[in-house]
Amino acid sequence: MKYRLKISDDVAFPCGFTLNEKGEPRAFGLLIEAKRAQQPDSTSGETIGQFLDGRAAIRMVGWVDNKSPLQDEAGNDVPAGADALAALYDLVPNMPGLVLTAYLDATGAKAKLGN
């Protein structure tokens, strides 16, 4: 017999991070929507990026507090979306790992303390 969760496979969560600017941390964050998927298997050969883009179907839908760390060539803030997420993956070396960590935290069960 096969089972499934009674709750939606759709998840939404923030992914907060800081970037060092001349020794001072500056806070930013992404608002993400995704699909609940089985965790990646380390022996499958699937990369973090392949998992996030494929089975997890990660979509960046906004900036936390509408604060973008990116600007275009004209100096304008870059709007949230696929291009912004791809740019972050290119410009911030550990960004895919941060998104994966936030995803796993958002899709996993949490312990309930107390009654």
C-alpha atoms as a PDB file:
ATOM      1  CA  MET A   1       0.000   0.000   0.000  1.00  0.00           C
ATOM      2  CA  LYS A   2       1.285   3.452  -0.895  1.00  0.00           C
ATOM      3  CA  TYR A   3       0.754   6.471   1.354  1.00  0.00           C
ATOM      4  CA  ARG A   4       0.887  10.226   0.844  1.00  0.00           C
ATOM      5  CA  LEU A   5       0.680  13.267   3.094  1.00  0.00           C
ATOM      6  CA  LYS A   6      -2.759  14.811   3.563  1.00  0.00           C
ATOM      7  CA  ILE A   7      -1.294  18.297   3.282  1.00  0.00           C
ATOM      8  CA  SER A   8      -0.475  20.125   0.064  1.00  0.00           C
ATOM      9  CA  ASP A   9       2.779  19.545  -1.775  1.00  0.00           C
ATOM     10  CA  ASP A  10       2.990  23.337  -2.174  1.00  0.00           C
ATOM     11  CA  VAL A  11       5.285  25.114   0.283  1.00  0.00           C
ATOM     12  CA  ALA A  12       6.262  28.760   0.733  1.00  0.00           C
ATOM     13  CA  PHE A  13       9.100  30.047   2.878  1.00  0.00           C
ATOM     14  CA  PRO A  14      11.684  32.786   3.304  1.00  0.00           C
ATOM     15  CA  CYS A  15      15.398  32.196   2.846  1.00  0.00           C
ATOM     16  CA  GLY A  16      17.261  34.806   4.858  1.00  0.00           C
ATOM     17  CA  PHE A  17      20.960  35.528   4.475  1.00  0.00           C
ATOM     18  CA  THR A  18      23.545  38.194   5.166  1.00  0.00           C
ATOM     19  CA  LEU A  19      26.290  39.558   2.952  1.00  0.00           C
ATOM     20  CA  ASN A  20      29.445  41.052   4.366  1.00  0.00           C
ATOM     21  CA  GLU A  21      29.977  44.673   3.341  1.00  0.00           C
ATOM     22  CA  LYS A  22      33.282  46.061   4.621  1.00  0.00           C
ATOM     23  CA  GLY A  23      33.054  43.942   7.771  1.00  0.00           C
ATOM     24  CA  GLU A  24      29.387  44.669   8.456  1.00  0.00           C
ATOM     25  CA  PRO A  25      26.646  42.097   7.806  1.00  0.00           C
ATOM     26  CA  ARG A  26      23.755  43.304   5.623  1.00  0.00           C
ATOM     27  CA  ALA A  27      20.558  41.271   5.854  1.00  0.00           C
ATOM     28  CA  PHE A  28      18.585  40.167   2.793  1.00  0.00           C
ATOM     29  CA  GLY A  29      16.108  37.436   2.030  1.00  0.00           C
ATOM     30  CA  LEU A  30      14.236  35.630  -0.700  1.00  0.00           C
ATOM     31  CA  LEU A  31      10.593  34.605  -0.675  1.00  0.00           C
ATOM     32  CA  ILE A  32      10.314  31.184  -2.278  1.00  0.00           C
ATOM     33  CA  GLU A  33       7.561  28.849  -3.422  1.00  0.00           C
ATOM     34  CA  ALA A  34       8.322  25.198  -4.131  1.00  0.00           C
ATOM     35  CA  LYS A  35       6.973  21.658  -4.270  1.00  0.00           C
ATOM     36  CA  ARG A  36       7.487  19.158  -1.478  1.00  0.00           C
ATOM     37  CA  ALA A  37       9.804  16.435  -2.819  1.00  0.00           C
ATOM     38  CA  GLN A  38      11.785  13.553  -1.418  1.00  0.00           C
ATOM     39  CA  GLN A  39      15.209  14.689  -0.200  1.00  0.00           C
ATOM     40  CA  PRO A  40      18.069  14.334  -2.662  1.00  0.00           C
ATOM     41  CA  ASP A  41      20.049  11.120  -2.394  1.00  0.00           C
ATOM     42  CA  SER A  42      23.790  11.718  -2.136  1.00  0.00           C
ATOM     43  CA  THR A  43      24.492   8.655  -4.280  1.00  0.00           C
ATOM     44  CA  SER A  44      22.163   9.641  -7.154  1.00  0.00           C
ATOM     45  CA  GLY A  45      24.593  12.062  -8.800  1.00  0.00           C
ATOM     46  CA  GLU A  46      21.915  14.761  -8.741  1.00  0.00           C
ATOM     47  CA  THR A  47      23.406  18.195  -8.004  1.00  0.00           C
ATOM     48  CA  ILE A  48      21.861  20.699  -5.612  1.00  0.00           C
ATOM     49  CA  GLY A  49      20.932  22.886  -8.562  1.00  0.00           C
ATOM     50  CA  GLN A  50      19.296  20.004 -10.420  1.00  0.00           C
ATOM     51  CA  PHE A  51      17.244  19.110  -7.351  1.00  0.00           C
ATOM     52  CA  LEU A  52      16.164  22.705  -6.685  1.00  0.00           C
ATOM     53  CA  ASP A  53      15.251  23.404 -10.322  1.00  0.00           C
ATOM     54  CA  GLY A  54      13.739  19.969 -10.955  1.00  0.00           C
ATOM     55  CA  ARG A  55      11.930  18.011  -8.272  1.00  0.00           C
ATOM     56  CA  ALA A  56      11.677  20.872  -5.756  1.00  0.00           C
ATOM     57  CA  ALA A  57      10.524  23.331  -8.471  1.00  0.00           C
ATOM     58  CA  ILE A  58      11.971  26.332  -6.582  1.00  0.00           C
ATOM     59  CA  ARG A  59      10.513  29.685  -7.668  1.00  0.00           C
ATOM     60  CA  MET A  60      11.633  33.008  -6.246  1.00  0.00           C
ATOM     61  CA  VAL A  61       8.508  35.164  -5.822  1.00  0.00           C
ATOM     62  CA  GLY A  62       9.805  38.144  -3.868  1.00  0.00           C
ATOM     63  CA  TRP A  63      12.433  39.835  -1.739  1.00  0.00           C
ATOM     64  CA  VAL A  64      12.009  39.922   2.034  1.00  0.00           C
ATOM     65  CA  ASP A  65      11.114  43.542   2.905  1.00  0.00           C
ATOM     66  CA  ASN A  66      11.362  44.349  -0.844  1.00  0.00           C
ATOM     67  CA  LYS A  67      15.133  44.724  -0.336  1.00  0.00           C
ATOM     68  CA  SER A  68      17.137  43.488  -3.336  1.00  0.00           C
ATOM     69  CA  PRO A  69      20.902  42.954  -3.053  1.00  0.00           C
ATOM     70  CA  LEU A  70      21.141  43.088  -6.869  1.00  0.00           C
ATOM     71  CA  GLN A  71      21.139  45.975  -9.282  1.00  0.00           C
ATOM     72  CA  ASP A  72      21.227  46.110 -13.054  1.00  0.00           C
ATOM     73  CA  GLU A  73      23.730  47.985 -15.224  1.00  0.00           C
ATOM     74  CA  ALA A  74      21.681  51.182 -14.863  1.00  0.00           C
ATOM     75  CA  GLY A  75      21.799  50.949 -11.047  1.00  0.00           C
ATOM     76  CA  ASN A  76      18.149  49.876 -10.647  1.00  0.00           C
ATOM     77  CA  ASP A  77      17.139  47.198  -8.151  1.00  0.00           C
ATOM     78  CA  VAL A  78      16.567  43.839  -9.823  1.00  0.00           C
ATOM     79  CA  PRO A  79      13.027  42.504  -9.340  1.00  0.00           C
ATOM     80  CA  ALA A  80      12.495  39.064  -7.831  1.00  0.00           C
ATOM     81  CA  GLY A  81      12.198  36.158 -10.234  1.00  0.00           C
ATOM     82  CA  ALA A  82      14.077  33.455 -12.076  1.00  0.00           C
ATOM     83  CA  ASP A  83      16.739  35.829 -13.435  1.00  0.00           C
ATOM     84  CA  ALA A  84      17.438  37.266  -9.983  1.00  0.00           C
ATOM     85  CA  LEU A  85      17.733  33.805  -8.447  1.00  0.00           C
ATOM     86  CA  ALA A  86      20.092  32.671 -11.216  1.00  0.00           C
ATOM     87  CA  ALA A  87      22.203  35.801 -10.674  1.00  0.00           C
ATOM     88  CA  LEU A  88      22.415  35.091  -6.937  1.00  0.00           C
ATOM     89  CA  TYR A  89      23.478  31.508  -7.665  1.00  0.00           C
ATOM     90  CA  ASP A  90      26.251  32.907  -9.895  1.00  0.00           C
ATOM     91  CA  LEU A  91      27.350  35.791  -7.646  1.00  0.00           C
ATOM     92  CA  VAL A  92      27.106  34.239  -4.156  1.00  0.00           C
ATOM     93  CA  PRO A  93      29.040  30.942  -4.034  1.00  0.00           C
ATOM     94  CA  ASN A  94      27.010  29.244  -1.285  1.00  0.00           C
ATOM     95  CA  MET A  95      23.546  30.506  -2.301  1.00  0.00           C
ATOM     96  CA  PRO A  96      22.284  27.164  -3.705  1.00  0.00           C
ATOM     97  CA  GLY A  97      23.234  25.514  -0.405  1.00  0.00           C
ATOM     98  CA  LEU A  98      21.424  28.225   1.585  1.00  0.00           C
ATOM     99  CA  VAL A  99      18.284  27.758  -0.513  1.00  0.00           C
ATOM    100  CA  LEU A 100      18.502  23.975  -0.073  1.00  0.00           C
ATOM    101  CA  THR A 101      18.880  24.350   3.695  1.00  0.00           C
ATOM    102  CA  ALA A 102      15.862  26.695   3.875  1.00  0.00           C
ATOM    103  CA  TYR A 103      13.875  24.274   1.673  1.00  0.00           C
ATOM    104  CA  LEU A 104      14.703  21.256   3.848  1.00  0.00           C
ATOM    105  CA  ASP A 105      13.789  23.236   6.966  1.00  0.00           C
ATOM    106  CA  ALA A 106      10.483  24.382   5.445  1.00  0.00           C
ATOM    107  CA  THR A 107       9.449  20.926   4.206  1.00  0.00           C
ATOM    108  CA  GLY A 108      10.544  18.895   7.234  1.00  0.00           C
ATOM    109  CA  ALA A 109       8.588  18.162  10.367  1.00  0.00           C
ATOM    110  CA  LYS A 110       9.209  20.319  13.450  1.00  0.00           C
ATOM    111  CA  ALA A 111       9.164  19.140  17.031  1.00  0.00           C
ATOM    112  CA  LYS A 112       6.340  20.586  19.108  1.00  0.00           C
ATOM    113  CA  LEU A 113       7.354  21.564  22.605  1.00  0.00           C
ATOM    114  CA  GLY A 114       4.877  21.486  25.475  1.00  0.00           C
ATOM    115  CA  ASN A 115       1.354  20.111  25.448  1.00  0.00           C
END
